């Protein structure tokens, strides 16, 4: 069984302390030296970090999921990865809290912030994302029969309430199913999944929850979420809470364990992402 990749911090400075520059495109691709190849794995969630520049303090400014890795298009001695599910923070998050403690527990260690890529724990990632509290991205992939546009995109407030209802139902189900396990809800902007289930403090399940008022278990999935399901297939659960009637407190539920694939869920493209030449 492959080892699950840890969350990462990707340093994205305009120029490094050594004077080197990298062909990074924020939210699209990340160029890096080959020595980081074993750390940067498709499906890994990450946060962007920028060191002190001018009057700017060191800070985190966005999050996403690592996509496919390939040779750099600008430097044959380097690699680059695609960035999926990029979510810019609405405000920069300082690397230290107002109390003075570092958001990364080893931050006080000399030389800690020098590497361009570093691993962090899921709890550290969750802490940063909780402070950021940004909104989720638009959906990119749809599974099942595509409903009418007006059914797909209700008001943002209605969608939020349905999602909150769905998460609440799944949390209750998991607590009943797993007894003494700890079920932790992630920040809304957490890339890849919504819940973590832990037994005796050790991770057992990643859980993604989708909610809809539609009468069929139709759901939207980003490419980053899909890749995360593949990377963590051995402990990944997807719940679709559908036919939600919040006023009556009723719903139906579908569940899937393992990778979400086109063969199993009839995935269909829903949106195209493009970049115009400048």
C-alpha atoms as a PDB file:
ATOM      1  CA  UNK A   1       0.000   0.000   0.000  1.00  0.00           C
ATOM      2  CA  UNK A   2       1.489   3.355  -1.035  1.00  0.00           C
ATOM      3  CA  UNK A   3       2.254   5.830   1.716  1.00  0.00           C
ATOM      4  CA  UNK A   4      -0.197   8.694   1.793  1.00  0.00           C
ATOM      5  CA  UNK A   5       1.401  12.017   0.889  1.00  0.00           C
ATOM      6  CA  UNK A   6       1.555  14.613   3.648  1.00  0.00           C
ATOM      7  CA  UNK A   7       0.170  18.113   3.152  1.00  0.00           C
ATOM      8  CA  UNK A   8       2.748  20.547   1.818  1.00  0.00           C
ATOM      9  CA  UNK A   9       3.800  24.155   1.937  1.00  0.00           C
ATOM     10  CA  UNK A  10       4.890  25.467  -1.468  1.00  0.00           C
ATOM     11  CA  UNK A  11       7.069  28.551  -1.215  1.00  0.00           C
ATOM     12  CA  UNK A  12       6.237  30.964  -4.025  1.00  0.00           C
ATOM     13  CA  UNK A  13       8.555  33.985  -3.838  1.00  0.00           C
ATOM     14  CA  UNK A  14       9.101  36.439  -6.635  1.00  0.00           C
ATOM     15  CA  UNK A  15      12.795  35.665  -6.241  1.00  0.00           C
ATOM     16  CA  UNK A  16      14.655  33.277  -3.929  1.00  0.00           C
ATOM     17  CA  UNK A  17      17.354  34.278  -1.450  1.00  0.00           C
ATOM     18  CA  UNK A  18      19.938  32.723  -3.801  1.00  0.00           C
ATOM     19  CA  UNK A  19      18.752  34.906  -6.671  1.00  0.00           C
ATOM     20  CA  UNK A  20      17.122  32.067  -8.604  1.00  0.00           C
ATOM     21  CA  UNK A  21      13.704  32.561 -10.103  1.00  0.00           C
ATOM     22  CA  UNK A  22      11.124  29.933 -11.008  1.00  0.00           C
ATOM     23  CA  UNK A  23       8.474  29.882 -13.715  1.00  0.00           C
ATOM     24  CA  UNK A  24       5.543  29.578 -11.318  1.00  0.00           C
ATOM     25  CA  UNK A  25       2.039  30.469 -12.434  1.00  0.00           C
ATOM     26  CA  UNK A  26       0.026  30.921  -9.263  1.00  0.00           C
ATOM     27  CA  UNK A  27      -2.927  28.559  -9.184  1.00  0.00           C
ATOM     28  CA  UNK A  28      -1.877  26.889 -12.461  1.00  0.00           C
ATOM     29  CA  UNK A  29       1.588  25.320 -12.205  1.00  0.00           C
ATOM     30  CA  UNK A  30       4.572  25.175  -9.859  1.00  0.00           C
ATOM     31  CA  UNK A  31       8.183  24.734 -10.967  1.00  0.00           C
ATOM     32  CA  UNK A  32      10.634  23.118  -8.551  1.00  0.00           C
ATOM     33  CA  UNK A  33      14.085  21.461  -8.306  1.00  0.00           C
ATOM     34  CA  UNK A  34      14.210  17.689  -8.800  1.00  0.00           C
ATOM     35  CA  UNK A  35      15.257  17.148  -5.160  1.00  0.00           C
ATOM     36  CA  UNK A  36      11.643  17.737  -4.125  1.00  0.00           C
ATOM     37  CA  UNK A  37      10.241  15.046  -6.442  1.00  0.00           C
ATOM     38  CA  UNK A  38       9.531  12.557  -3.638  1.00  0.00           C
ATOM     39  CA  UNK A  39       7.636  15.169  -1.656  1.00  0.00           C
ATOM     40  CA  UNK A  40       5.497  16.631  -4.422  1.00  0.00           C
ATOM     41  CA  UNK A  41       2.985  13.890  -5.225  1.00  0.00           C
ATOM     42  CA  UNK A  42      -0.297  14.190  -7.187  1.00  0.00           C
ATOM     43  CA  UNK A  43      -3.247  14.385  -4.831  1.00  0.00           C
ATOM     44  CA  UNK A  44      -1.367  16.120  -2.008  1.00  0.00           C
ATOM     45  CA  UNK A  45      -3.131  19.172  -0.520  1.00  0.00           C
ATOM     46  CA  UNK A  46      -0.947  22.251  -0.029  1.00  0.00           C
ATOM     47  CA  UNK A  47      -0.847  25.900   1.011  1.00  0.00           C
ATOM     48  CA  UNK A  48       1.122  28.640  -0.724  1.00  0.00           C
ATOM     49  CA  UNK A  49       3.661  30.561   1.363  1.00  0.00           C
ATOM     50  CA  UNK A  50       5.597  33.736   0.598  1.00  0.00           C
ATOM     51  CA  UNK A  51       8.655  34.906   2.558  1.00  0.00           C
ATOM     52  CA  UNK A  52       9.330  38.462   3.646  1.00  0.00           C
ATOM     53  CA  UNK A  53       9.536  40.794   0.637  1.00  0.00           C
ATOM     54  CA  UNK A  54       9.900  44.528   1.187  1.00  0.00           C
ATOM     55  CA  UNK A  55       7.253  45.594   3.688  1.00  0.00           C
ATOM     56  CA  UNK A  56       5.359  42.305   3.324  1.00  0.00           C
ATOM     57  CA  UNK A  57       5.531  39.923   6.252  1.00  0.00           C
ATOM     58  CA  UNK A  58       5.837  36.161   5.599  1.00  0.00           C
ATOM     59  CA  UNK A  59       2.347  34.833   4.909  1.00  0.00           C
ATOM     60  CA  UNK A  60       0.153  32.139   3.371  1.00  0.00           C
ATOM     61  CA  UNK A  61      -2.041  33.226   0.475  1.00  0.00           C
ATOM     62  CA  UNK A  62      -3.842  30.248  -1.071  1.00  0.00           C
ATOM     63  CA  UNK A  63      -4.383  26.503  -1.134  1.00  0.00           C
ATOM     64  CA  UNK A  64      -4.936  23.689  -3.603  1.00  0.00           C
ATOM     65  CA  UNK A  65      -4.085  20.143  -4.627  1.00  0.00           C
ATOM     66  CA  UNK A  66      -0.992  18.893  -6.471  1.00  0.00           C
ATOM     67  CA  UNK A  67      -1.777  17.685  -9.999  1.00  0.00           C
ATOM     68  CA  UNK A  68       0.306  15.739 -12.545  1.00  0.00           C
ATOM     69  CA  UNK A  69       4.084  16.193 -12.446  1.00  0.00           C
ATOM     70  CA  UNK A  70       6.172  16.534 -15.610  1.00  0.00           C
ATOM     71  CA  UNK A  71       9.450  17.971 -16.890  1.00  0.00           C
ATOM     72  CA  UNK A  72       9.571  21.752 -16.750  1.00  0.00           C
ATOM     73  CA  UNK A  73       8.684  23.499 -19.980  1.00  0.00           C
ATOM     74  CA  UNK A  74      11.277  26.222 -19.331  1.00  0.00           C
ATOM     75  CA  UNK A  75      14.227  24.445 -17.662  1.00  0.00           C
ATOM     76  CA  UNK A  76      15.212  20.808 -18.415  1.00  0.00           C
ATOM     77  CA  UNK A  77      16.914  20.509 -15.010  1.00  0.00           C
ATOM     78  CA  UNK A  78      13.652  21.151 -13.160  1.00  0.00           C
ATOM     79  CA  UNK A  79      10.172  19.671 -12.810  1.00  0.00           C
ATOM     80  CA  UNK A  80       6.760  21.278 -12.651  1.00  0.00           C
ATOM     81  CA  UNK A  81       3.380  20.171 -11.346  1.00  0.00           C
ATOM     82  CA  UNK A  82      -0.094  21.241 -12.314  1.00  0.00           C
ATOM     83  CA  UNK A  83      -2.082  23.028  -9.605  1.00  0.00           C
ATOM     84  CA  UNK A  84      -5.668  21.870  -9.097  1.00  0.00           C
ATOM     85  CA  UNK A  85      -8.538  23.395  -7.117  1.00  0.00           C
ATOM     86  CA  UNK A  86      -6.670  26.630  -6.398  1.00  0.00           C
ATOM     87  CA  UNK A  87      -8.415  28.704  -3.758  1.00  0.00           C
ATOM     88  CA  UNK A  88      -6.879  32.130  -3.098  1.00  0.00           C
ATOM     89  CA  UNK A  89      -7.358  33.371   0.438  1.00  0.00           C
ATOM     90  CA  UNK A  90      -9.461  36.480   0.827  1.00  0.00           C
ATOM     91  CA  UNK A  91      -6.685  37.899   2.994  1.00  0.00           C
ATOM     92  CA  UNK A  92      -3.063  37.008   3.642  1.00  0.00           C
ATOM     93  CA  UNK A  93      -2.546  34.789   6.701  1.00  0.00           C
ATOM     94  CA  UNK A  94       0.573  35.766   8.701  1.00  0.00           C
ATOM     95  CA  UNK A  95       2.947  32.920   9.494  1.00  0.00           C
ATOM     96  CA  UNK A  96       2.632  33.771  13.182  1.00  0.00           C
ATOM     97  CA  UNK A  97      -0.549  34.306  15.175  1.00  0.00           C
ATOM     98  CA  UNK A  98      -1.197  37.483  17.136  1.00  0.00           C
ATOM     99  CA  UNK A  99      -0.075  35.623  20.257  1.00  0.00           C
ATOM    100  CA  UNK A 100       3.338  35.127  18.651  1.00  0.00           C
ATOM    101  CA  UNK A 101       3.199  31.361  18.102  1.00  0.00           C
ATOM    102  CA  UNK A 102       4.011  29.965  14.669  1.00  0.00           C
ATOM    103  CA  UNK A 103       1.251  28.298  12.629  1.00  0.00           C
ATOM    104  CA  UNK A 104       3.825  25.616  11.775  1.00  0.00           C
ATOM    105  CA  UNK A 105       4.930  24.048  15.028  1.00  0.00           C
ATOM    106  CA  UNK A 106       8.620  23.901  14.060  1.00  0.00           C
ATOM    107  CA  UNK A 107       8.693  27.504  12.887  1.00  0.00           C
ATOM    108  CA  UNK A 108      10.975  28.667  15.687  1.00  0.00           C
ATOM    109  CA  UNK A 109      13.701  26.246  14.590  1.00  0.00           C
ATOM    110  CA  UNK A 110      16.656  27.916  12.874  1.00  0.00           C
ATOM    111  CA  UNK A 111      16.612  27.436   9.111  1.00  0.00           C
ATOM    112  CA  UNK A 112      13.130  25.900   9.123  1.00  0.00           C
ATOM    113  CA  UNK A 113      11.718  28.268   6.498  1.00  0.00           C
ATOM    114  CA  UNK A 114      14.616  27.995   4.052  1.00  0.00           C
ATOM    115  CA  UNK A 115      13.477  24.967   1.937  1.00  0.00           C
ATOM    116  CA  UNK A 116      11.245  25.787  -1.006  1.00  0.00           C
ATOM    117  CA  UNK A 117       8.967  22.839  -0.243  1.00  0.00           C
ATOM    118  CA  UNK A 118       8.217  21.445   3.202  1.00  0.00           C
ATOM    119  CA  UNK A 119       5.863  18.899   4.700  1.00  0.00           C
ATOM    120  CA  UNK A 120       3.378  19.848   7.405  1.00  0.00           C
ATOM    121  CA  UNK A 121       0.835  17.872   9.409  1.00  0.00           C
ATOM    122  CA  UNK A 122      -2.863  17.774   8.621  1.00  0.00           C
ATOM    123  CA  UNK A 123      -3.559  19.628  11.861  1.00  0.00           C
ATOM    124  CA  UNK A 124      -1.215  22.437  10.780  1.00  0.00           C
ATOM    125  CA  UNK A 125      -2.929  22.599   7.389  1.00  0.00           C
ATOM    126  CA  UNK A 126      -6.346  22.687   9.042  1.00  0.00           C
ATOM    127  CA  UNK A 127      -5.256  25.519  11.336  1.00  0.00           C
ATOM    128  CA  UNK A 128      -4.096  27.665   8.420  1.00  0.00           C
ATOM    129  CA  UNK A 129      -7.216  26.966   6.370  1.00  0.00           C
ATOM    130  CA  UNK A 130      -9.474  27.704   9.320  1.00  0.00           C
ATOM    131  CA  UNK A 131      -7.907  31.149   9.614  1.00  0.00           C
ATOM    132  CA  UNK A 132      -8.227  31.721   5.885  1.00  0.00           C
ATOM    133  CA  UNK A 133     -11.887  30.651   5.725  1.00  0.00           C
ATOM    134  CA  UNK A 134     -12.179  31.247   1.970  1.00  0.00           C
ATOM    135  CA  UNK A 135     -15.040  30.104  -0.261  1.00  0.00           C
ATOM    136  CA  UNK A 136     -14.885  26.840  -2.303  1.00  0.00           C
ATOM    137  CA  UNK A 137     -14.246  27.014  -6.081  1.00  0.00           C
ATOM    138  CA  UNK A 138     -16.746  26.480  -8.823  1.00  0.00           C
ATOM    139  CA  UNK A 139     -17.440  22.846  -9.708  1.00  0.00           C
ATOM    140  CA  UNK A 140     -15.495  21.337 -12.613  1.00  0.00           C
ATOM    141  CA  UNK A 141     -16.860  17.820 -13.013  1.00  0.00           C
ATOM    142  CA  UNK A 142     -20.390  16.498 -12.730  1.00  0.00           C
ATOM    143  CA  UNK A 143     -21.394  12.883 -12.134  1.00  0.00           C
ATOM    144  CA  UNK A 144     -24.648  11.310 -13.234  1.00  0.00           C
ATOM    145  CA  UNK A 145     -27.291  12.900 -15.447  1.00  0.00           C
ATOM    146  CA  UNK A 146     -26.774  16.645 -15.768  1.00  0.00           C
ATOM    147  CA  UNK A 147     -29.754  18.532 -14.288  1.00  0.00           C
ATOM    148  CA  UNK A 148     -31.109  21.780 -15.727  1.00  0.00           C
ATOM    149  CA  UNK A 149     -28.914  24.806 -15.136  1.00  0.00           C
ATOM    150  CA  UNK A 150     -31.330  26.366 -12.673  1.00  0.00           C
ATOM    151  CA  UNK A 151     -31.285  23.143 -10.645  1.00  0.00           C
ATOM    152  CA  UNK A 152     -27.492  22.968 -10.687  1.00  0.00           C
ATOM    153  CA  UNK A 153     -26.911  26.477  -9.463  1.00  0.00           C
ATOM    154  CA  UNK A 154     -29.340  27.546  -6.787  1.00  0.00           C
ATOM    155  CA  UNK A 155     -28.677  30.573  -4.681  1.00  0.00           C
ATOM    156  CA  UNK A 156     -25.385  30.414  -2.834  1.00  0.00           C
ATOM    157  CA  UNK A 157     -27.192  30.690   0.501  1.00  0.00           C
ATOM    158  CA  UNK A 158     -29.540  27.802  -0.316  1.00  0.00           C
ATOM    159  CA  UNK A 159     -26.612  25.670  -1.477  1.00  0.00           C
ATOM    160  CA  UNK A 160     -24.680  26.447   1.689  1.00  0.00           C
ATOM    161  CA  UNK A 161     -27.613  25.416   3.895  1.00  0.00           C
ATOM    162  CA  UNK A 162     -28.051  22.150   1.989  1.00  0.00           C
ATOM    163  CA  UNK A 163     -24.324  21.400   2.294  1.00  0.00           C
ATOM    164  CA  UNK A 164     -24.381  22.130   6.024  1.00  0.00           C
ATOM    165  CA  UNK A 165     -27.395  19.856   6.429  1.00  0.00           C
ATOM    166  CA  UNK A 166     -25.634  17.097   4.470  1.00  0.00           C
ATOM    167  CA  UNK A 167     -22.450  17.309   6.526  1.00  0.00           C
ATOM    168  CA  UNK A 168     -24.441  17.239   9.773  1.00  0.00           C
ATOM    169  CA  UNK A 169     -26.253  14.051   8.687  1.00  0.00           C
ATOM    170  CA  UNK A 170     -23.038  12.295   7.664  1.00  0.00           C
ATOM    171  CA  UNK A 171     -21.252  13.284  10.875  1.00  0.00           C
ATOM    172  CA  UNK A 172     -24.108  11.758  12.888  1.00  0.00           C
ATOM    173  CA  UNK A 173     -24.030   8.602  10.750  1.00  0.00           C
ATOM    174  CA  UNK A 174     -20.256   8.182  11.141  1.00  0.00           C
ATOM    175  CA  UNK A 175     -20.384   8.662  14.893  1.00  0.00           C
ATOM    176  CA  UNK A 176     -23.078   6.032  15.153  1.00  0.00           C
ATOM    177  CA  UNK A 177     -21.235   3.661  12.817  1.00  0.00           C
ATOM    178  CA  UNK A 178     -17.779   3.990  14.354  1.00  0.00           C
ATOM    179  CA  UNK A 179     -18.682   4.374  18.026  1.00  0.00           C
ATOM    180  CA  UNK A 180     -15.810   5.999  19.901  1.00  0.00           C
ATOM    181  CA  UNK A 181     -14.055   7.318  16.795  1.00  0.00           C
ATOM    182  CA  UNK A 182     -13.389  11.040  16.509  1.00  0.00           C
ATOM    183  CA  UNK A 183     -15.097  12.683  13.514  1.00  0.00           C
ATOM    184  CA  UNK A 184     -13.475  16.021  12.662  1.00  0.00           C
ATOM    185  CA  UNK A 185     -15.072  18.531  10.328  1.00  0.00           C
ATOM    186  CA  UNK A 186     -12.602  20.388   8.106  1.00  0.00           C
ATOM    187  CA  UNK A 187     -12.738  24.086   7.163  1.00  0.00           C
ATOM    188  CA  UNK A 188     -14.931  24.822   4.157  1.00  0.00           C
ATOM    189  CA  UNK A 189     -11.854  25.582   2.034  1.00  0.00           C
ATOM    190  CA  UNK A 190     -10.063  22.310   2.842  1.00  0.00           C
ATOM    191  CA  UNK A 191      -8.870  20.773  -0.463  1.00  0.00           C
ATOM    192  CA  UNK A 192      -9.832  17.160  -1.139  1.00  0.00           C
ATOM    193  CA  UNK A 193     -12.260  16.163   1.617  1.00  0.00           C
ATOM    194  CA  UNK A 194     -14.682  17.395   4.285  1.00  0.00           C
ATOM    195  CA  UNK A 195     -14.274  15.063   7.280  1.00  0.00           C
ATOM    196  CA  UNK A 196     -11.588  13.010   8.979  1.00  0.00           C
ATOM    197  CA  UNK A 197     -12.360   9.915  11.043  1.00  0.00           C
ATOM    198  CA  UNK A 198      -9.745   8.974  13.632  1.00  0.00           C
ATOM    199  CA  UNK A 199      -9.478   5.928  15.891  1.00  0.00           C
ATOM    200  CA  UNK A 200      -7.314   6.480  18.988  1.00  0.00           C
ATOM    201  CA  UNK A 201      -5.933   9.601  17.339  1.00  0.00           C
ATOM    202  CA  UNK A 202      -4.888   7.744  14.165  1.00  0.00           C
ATOM    203  CA  UNK A 203      -6.427   8.485  10.789  1.00  0.00           C
ATOM    204  CA  UNK A 204      -8.812   5.853   9.439  1.00  0.00           C
ATOM    205  CA  UNK A 205     -11.028   7.573   6.846  1.00  0.00           C
ATOM    206  CA  UNK A 206     -11.141  10.630   4.625  1.00  0.00           C
ATOM    207  CA  UNK A 207     -14.765  11.555   3.893  1.00  0.00           C
ATOM    208  CA  UNK A 208     -16.174  13.819   1.185  1.00  0.00           C
ATOM    209  CA  UNK A 209     -19.800  14.959   1.513  1.00  0.00           C
ATOM    210  CA  UNK A 210     -22.034  16.272  -1.260  1.00  0.00           C
ATOM    211  CA  UNK A 211     -25.520  17.622  -0.678  1.00  0.00           C
ATOM    212  CA  UNK A 212     -28.330  18.333  -3.155  1.00  0.00           C
ATOM    213  CA  UNK A 213     -32.061  18.967  -3.154  1.00  0.00           C
ATOM    214  CA  UNK A 214     -32.335  16.998  -6.403  1.00  0.00           C
ATOM    215  CA  UNK A 215     -34.206  13.682  -6.272  1.00  0.00           C
ATOM    216  CA  UNK A 216     -31.188  11.812  -7.687  1.00  0.00           C
ATOM    217  CA  UNK A 217     -27.675  11.504  -6.175  1.00  0.00           C
ATOM    218  CA  UNK A 218     -26.107  13.949  -8.640  1.00  0.00           C
ATOM    219  CA  UNK A 219     -22.960  15.680  -7.429  1.00  0.00           C
ATOM    220  CA  UNK A 220     -20.168  17.985  -8.556  1.00  0.00           C
ATOM    221  CA  UNK A 221     -16.536  17.013  -8.108  1.00  0.00           C
ATOM    222  CA  UNK A 222     -13.431  19.058  -8.795  1.00  0.00           C
ATOM    223  CA  UNK A 223     -10.444  17.471 -10.495  1.00  0.00           C
ATOM    224  CA  UNK A 224      -8.459  17.911  -7.298  1.00  0.00           C
ATOM    225  CA  UNK A 225     -11.109  16.031  -5.313  1.00  0.00           C
ATOM    226  CA  UNK A 226     -11.116  13.257  -7.900  1.00  0.00           C
ATOM    227  CA  UNK A 227      -7.336  12.871  -7.749  1.00  0.00           C
ATOM    228  CA  UNK A 228      -7.447  12.884  -3.961  1.00  0.00           C
ATOM    229  CA  UNK A 229      -9.960  10.016  -4.054  1.00  0.00           C
ATOM    230  CA  UNK A 230      -7.534   8.063  -6.238  1.00  0.00           C
ATOM    231  CA  UNK A 231      -4.541   8.779  -4.000  1.00  0.00           C
ATOM    232  CA  UNK A 232      -6.439   7.803  -0.837  1.00  0.00           C
ATOM    233  CA  UNK A 233      -8.678   5.108  -2.344  1.00  0.00           C
ATOM    234  CA  UNK A 234      -7.990   2.612   0.461  1.00  0.00           C
ATOM    235  CA  UNK A 235      -9.563   4.931   3.051  1.00  0.00           C
ATOM    236  CA  UNK A 236     -11.769   7.289   1.050  1.00  0.00           C
ATOM    237  CA  UNK A 237     -15.543   7.534   1.459  1.00  0.00           C
ATOM    238  CA  UNK A 238     -17.965   9.634  -0.582  1.00  0.00           C
ATOM    239  CA  UNK A 239     -21.479  10.367   0.671  1.00  0.00           C
ATOM    240  CA  UNK A 240     -24.130  12.031  -1.468  1.00  0.00           C
ATOM    241  CA  UNK A 241     -27.030  13.308   0.619  1.00  0.00           C
ATOM    242  CA  UNK A 242     -29.808  13.938  -1.890  1.00  0.00           C
ATOM    243  CA  UNK A 243     -33.531  14.698  -2.054  1.00  0.00           C
ATOM    244  CA  UNK A 244     -32.871  17.037   0.862  1.00  0.00           C
ATOM    245  CA  UNK A 245     -35.948  18.644   2.396  1.00  0.00           C
ATOM    246  CA  UNK A 246     -34.576  20.717   5.228  1.00  0.00           C
ATOM    247  CA  UNK A 247     -37.997  21.944   6.401  1.00  0.00           C
ATOM    248  CA  UNK A 248     -39.169  18.350   6.869  1.00  0.00           C
ATOM    249  CA  UNK A 249     -35.755  17.068   7.971  1.00  0.00           C
ATOM    250  CA  UNK A 250     -35.788  14.301   5.343  1.00  0.00           C
ATOM    251  CA  UNK A 251     -33.263  13.092   2.790  1.00  0.00           C
ATOM    252  CA  UNK A 252     -31.885  10.054   0.978  1.00  0.00           C
ATOM    253  CA  UNK A 253     -28.263   8.943   1.028  1.00  0.00           C
ATOM    254  CA  UNK A 254     -25.832   7.164  -1.306  1.00  0.00           C
ATOM    255  CA  UNK A 255     -22.362   6.006  -0.288  1.00  0.00           C
ATOM    256  CA  UNK A 256     -19.215   4.990  -2.163  1.00  0.00           C
ATOM    257  CA  UNK A 257     -15.905   3.641  -0.869  1.00  0.00           C
ATOM    258  CA  UNK A 258     -12.703   4.017  -2.885  1.00  0.00           C
ATOM    259  CA  UNK A 259     -11.622   5.956  -5.940  1.00  0.00           C
ATOM    260  CA  UNK A 260     -14.284   7.940  -7.778  1.00  0.00           C
ATOM    261  CA  UNK A 261     -13.889   6.899 -11.414  1.00  0.00           C
ATOM    262  CA  UNK A 262     -15.692   7.566 -14.659  1.00  0.00           C
ATOM    263  CA  UNK A 263     -16.640   3.899 -14.956  1.00  0.00           C
ATOM    264  CA  UNK A 264     -18.284   3.808 -11.552  1.00  0.00           C
ATOM    265  CA  UNK A 265     -19.935   7.222 -11.474  1.00  0.00           C
ATOM    266  CA  UNK A 266     -20.417   8.250 -15.093  1.00  0.00           C
ATOM    267  CA  UNK A 267     -18.327  11.397 -14.708  1.00  0.00           C
ATOM    268  CA  UNK A 268     -18.937  14.070 -17.337  1.00  0.00           C
ATOM    269  CA  UNK A 269     -17.189  17.404 -18.022  1.00  0.00           C
ATOM    270  CA  UNK A 270     -19.204  20.332 -16.730  1.00  0.00           C
ATOM    271  CA  UNK A 271     -16.907  23.335 -17.245  1.00  0.00           C
ATOM    272  CA  UNK A 272     -13.854  24.265 -19.254  1.00  0.00           C
ATOM    273  CA  UNK A 273     -10.939  26.229 -17.833  1.00  0.00           C
ATOM    274  CA  UNK A 274      -8.922  28.369 -20.214  1.00  0.00           C
ATOM    275  CA  UNK A 275      -6.243  31.052 -20.336  1.00  0.00           C
ATOM    276  CA  UNK A 276      -6.243  33.786 -22.968  1.00  0.00           C
ATOM    277  CA  UNK A 277      -2.890  35.022 -24.272  1.00  0.00           C
ATOM    278  CA  UNK A 278      -1.853  38.355 -22.780  1.00  0.00           C
END
